[in-house]
Each structure stands twice: as structure tokens, then as C-alpha cells.
């Protein structure tokens, strides 16, 4: 299954992402479980965390860290009200 493209991503408090998809869906993804080790641990720094940007069907940080597209979509929670 092809994953929809990410149109916009907004970093939120507590290492969460507000993700807007080309389908019109809005979802929240919790990055905390990924922040470990030397590579993903870099995004624990709030300034680095805020460098997140859309990249096709996923999101990416300034140093190249990314989340697998299916995880970003499937493990995020749908937002029912406008943020």
C-alpha cells in the first residue's frame, strides 16, 4: 500500500508531531520511543527536534533522521478536532 504524502509537520511539546497528510487527515505521532542511541538521540535536543520537515511520505530532521512511512502513519493517532 502506498502511504499518503506528508504536506505539513509541526513539532509539538513532549516530542510529538502534528502531521497533515495529502488525504486531509491530521494525526499526532509520538517520537519519544525513537529518541535513543547516538543517531536518534540527537533529536532529544529541542532545537534539533524543531528542524523536522516533510519528506515525501514521512518526516525528516536536519541531520537525516527519519521515521519509516508506515510507522509514522500507522502508529499515529487521528486528530478529531482542529488544532
C-alpha atoms as a PDB file:
ATOM      1  CA  UNK A   1       0.000   0.000   0.000  1.00  0.00           C
ATOM      2  CA  UNK A   2       1.323   3.417  -0.884  1.00  0.00           C
ATOM      3  CA  UNK A   3       1.493   5.809   2.007  1.00  0.00           C
ATOM      4  CA  UNK A   4      -0.004   9.269   1.519  1.00  0.00           C
ATOM      5  CA  UNK A   5       2.405  12.214   1.344  1.00  0.00           C
ATOM      6  CA  UNK A   6       3.016  14.470   4.303  1.00  0.00           C
ATOM      7  CA  UNK A   7       2.017  18.038   3.459  1.00  0.00           C
ATOM      8  CA  UNK A   8       2.988  19.674   6.731  1.00  0.00           C
ATOM      9  CA  UNK A   9       4.520  18.730  10.063  1.00  0.00           C
ATOM     10  CA  UNK A  10       4.547  20.819  13.224  1.00  0.00           C
ATOM     11  CA  UNK A  11       6.690  19.908  16.241  1.00  0.00           C
ATOM     12  CA  UNK A  12       4.672  19.942  19.472  1.00  0.00           C
ATOM     13  CA  UNK A  13       5.610  19.795  23.137  1.00  0.00           C
ATOM     14  CA  UNK A  14       6.684  16.485  24.664  1.00  0.00           C
ATOM     15  CA  UNK A  15       8.316  15.277  21.415  1.00  0.00           C
ATOM     16  CA  UNK A  16       5.106  14.851  19.470  1.00  0.00           C
ATOM     17  CA  UNK A  17       4.421  15.780  15.860  1.00  0.00           C
ATOM     18  CA  UNK A  18       1.258  17.162  14.329  1.00  0.00           C
ATOM     19  CA  UNK A  19       1.205  15.713  10.820  1.00  0.00           C
ATOM     20  CA  UNK A  20      -1.066  16.825   7.988  1.00  0.00           C
ATOM     21  CA  UNK A  21      -1.445  14.360   5.109  1.00  0.00           C
ATOM     22  CA  UNK A  22      -2.462  14.840   1.479  1.00  0.00           C
ATOM     23  CA  UNK A  23      -5.641  12.876   2.283  1.00  0.00           C
ATOM     24  CA  UNK A  24      -6.767  15.708   4.563  1.00  0.00           C
ATOM     25  CA  UNK A  25      -6.082  13.631   7.662  1.00  0.00           C
ATOM     26  CA  UNK A  26      -4.426  15.194  10.699  1.00  0.00           C
ATOM     27  CA  UNK A  27      -2.591  12.895  13.070  1.00  0.00           C
ATOM     28  CA  UNK A  28      -0.340  13.081  16.134  1.00  0.00           C
ATOM     29  CA  UNK A  29       2.825  10.977  16.275  1.00  0.00           C
ATOM     30  CA  UNK A  30       4.815  10.396  19.476  1.00  0.00           C
ATOM     31  CA  UNK A  31       8.547  10.490  18.746  1.00  0.00           C
ATOM     32  CA  UNK A  32       9.666   9.728  22.339  1.00  0.00           C
ATOM     33  CA  UNK A  33      10.098   5.945  21.832  1.00  0.00           C
ATOM     34  CA  UNK A  34      12.547   6.652  18.995  1.00  0.00           C
ATOM     35  CA  UNK A  35      14.797   9.064  20.879  1.00  0.00           C
ATOM     36  CA  UNK A  36      17.651   6.775  21.873  1.00  0.00           C
ATOM     37  CA  UNK A  37      21.147   5.912  20.810  1.00  0.00           C
ATOM     38  CA  UNK A  38      23.637   8.219  19.169  1.00  0.00           C
ATOM     39  CA  UNK A  39      21.691   8.758  15.925  1.00  0.00           C
ATOM     40  CA  UNK A  40      18.098   9.324  17.036  1.00  0.00           C
ATOM     41  CA  UNK A  41      19.259  10.600  20.410  1.00  0.00           C
ATOM     42  CA  UNK A  42      20.316  13.805  18.657  1.00  0.00           C
ATOM     43  CA  UNK A  43      16.677  14.825  18.259  1.00  0.00           C
ATOM     44  CA  UNK A  44      16.319  14.934  22.049  1.00  0.00           C
ATOM     45  CA  UNK A  45      17.807  18.418  21.716  1.00  0.00           C
ATOM     46  CA  UNK A  46      14.732  20.643  21.318  1.00  0.00           C
ATOM     47  CA  UNK A  47      16.378  22.842  18.676  1.00  0.00           C
ATOM     48  CA  UNK A  48      17.205  19.763  16.606  1.00  0.00           C
ATOM     49  CA  UNK A  49      13.718  18.324  17.158  1.00  0.00           C
ATOM     50  CA  UNK A  50      12.232  21.523  15.723  1.00  0.00           C
ATOM     51  CA  UNK A  51      14.124  21.044  12.429  1.00  0.00           C
ATOM     52  CA  UNK A  52      11.596  18.387  11.389  1.00  0.00           C
ATOM     53  CA  UNK A  53      10.160  18.824   7.900  1.00  0.00           C
ATOM     54  CA  UNK A  54       8.074  16.823   5.397  1.00  0.00           C
ATOM     55  CA  UNK A  55       9.904  14.462   3.056  1.00  0.00           C
ATOM     56  CA  UNK A  56       7.593  12.547   0.759  1.00  0.00           C
ATOM     57  CA  UNK A  57       5.548  10.078   2.795  1.00  0.00           C
ATOM     58  CA  UNK A  58       7.450  10.738   6.001  1.00  0.00           C
ATOM     59  CA  UNK A  59       9.238  13.395   8.016  1.00  0.00           C
ATOM     60  CA  UNK A  60      12.945  14.067   8.363  1.00  0.00           C
ATOM     61  CA  UNK A  61      15.209  16.056  10.667  1.00  0.00           C
ATOM     62  CA  UNK A  62      18.145  18.260   9.666  1.00  0.00           C
ATOM     63  CA  UNK A  63      20.744  15.523  10.152  1.00  0.00           C
ATOM     64  CA  UNK A  64      18.756  12.931   8.148  1.00  0.00           C
ATOM     65  CA  UNK A  65      16.914  11.042  10.874  1.00  0.00           C
ATOM     66  CA  UNK A  66      13.522   9.890   9.652  1.00  0.00           C
ATOM     67  CA  UNK A  67      10.623   7.665  10.610  1.00  0.00           C
ATOM     68  CA  UNK A  68       9.542   4.752   8.410  1.00  0.00           C
ATOM     69  CA  UNK A  69       6.487   5.983   6.474  1.00  0.00           C
ATOM     70  CA  UNK A  70       4.258   3.087   7.563  1.00  0.00           C
ATOM     71  CA  UNK A  71       5.180   3.649  11.231  1.00  0.00           C
ATOM     72  CA  UNK A  72       4.578   7.390  11.009  1.00  0.00           C
ATOM     73  CA  UNK A  73       1.107   6.776   9.643  1.00  0.00           C
ATOM     74  CA  UNK A  74       0.020   3.576  11.410  1.00  0.00           C
ATOM     75  CA  UNK A  75       1.363   4.464  14.864  1.00  0.00           C
ATOM     76  CA  UNK A  76      -0.043   7.980  14.890  1.00  0.00           C
ATOM     77  CA  UNK A  77      -3.400   8.928  16.351  1.00  0.00           C
ATOM     78  CA  UNK A  78      -6.109  10.671  14.388  1.00  0.00           C
ATOM     79  CA  UNK A  79      -6.982  14.201  15.453  1.00  0.00           C
ATOM     80  CA  UNK A  80     -10.719  14.736  15.627  1.00  0.00           C
ATOM     81  CA  UNK A  81     -10.752  18.496  16.334  1.00  0.00           C
ATOM     82  CA  UNK A  82      -8.807  21.280  14.682  1.00  0.00           C
ATOM     83  CA  UNK A  83      -5.568  22.179  16.354  1.00  0.00           C
END
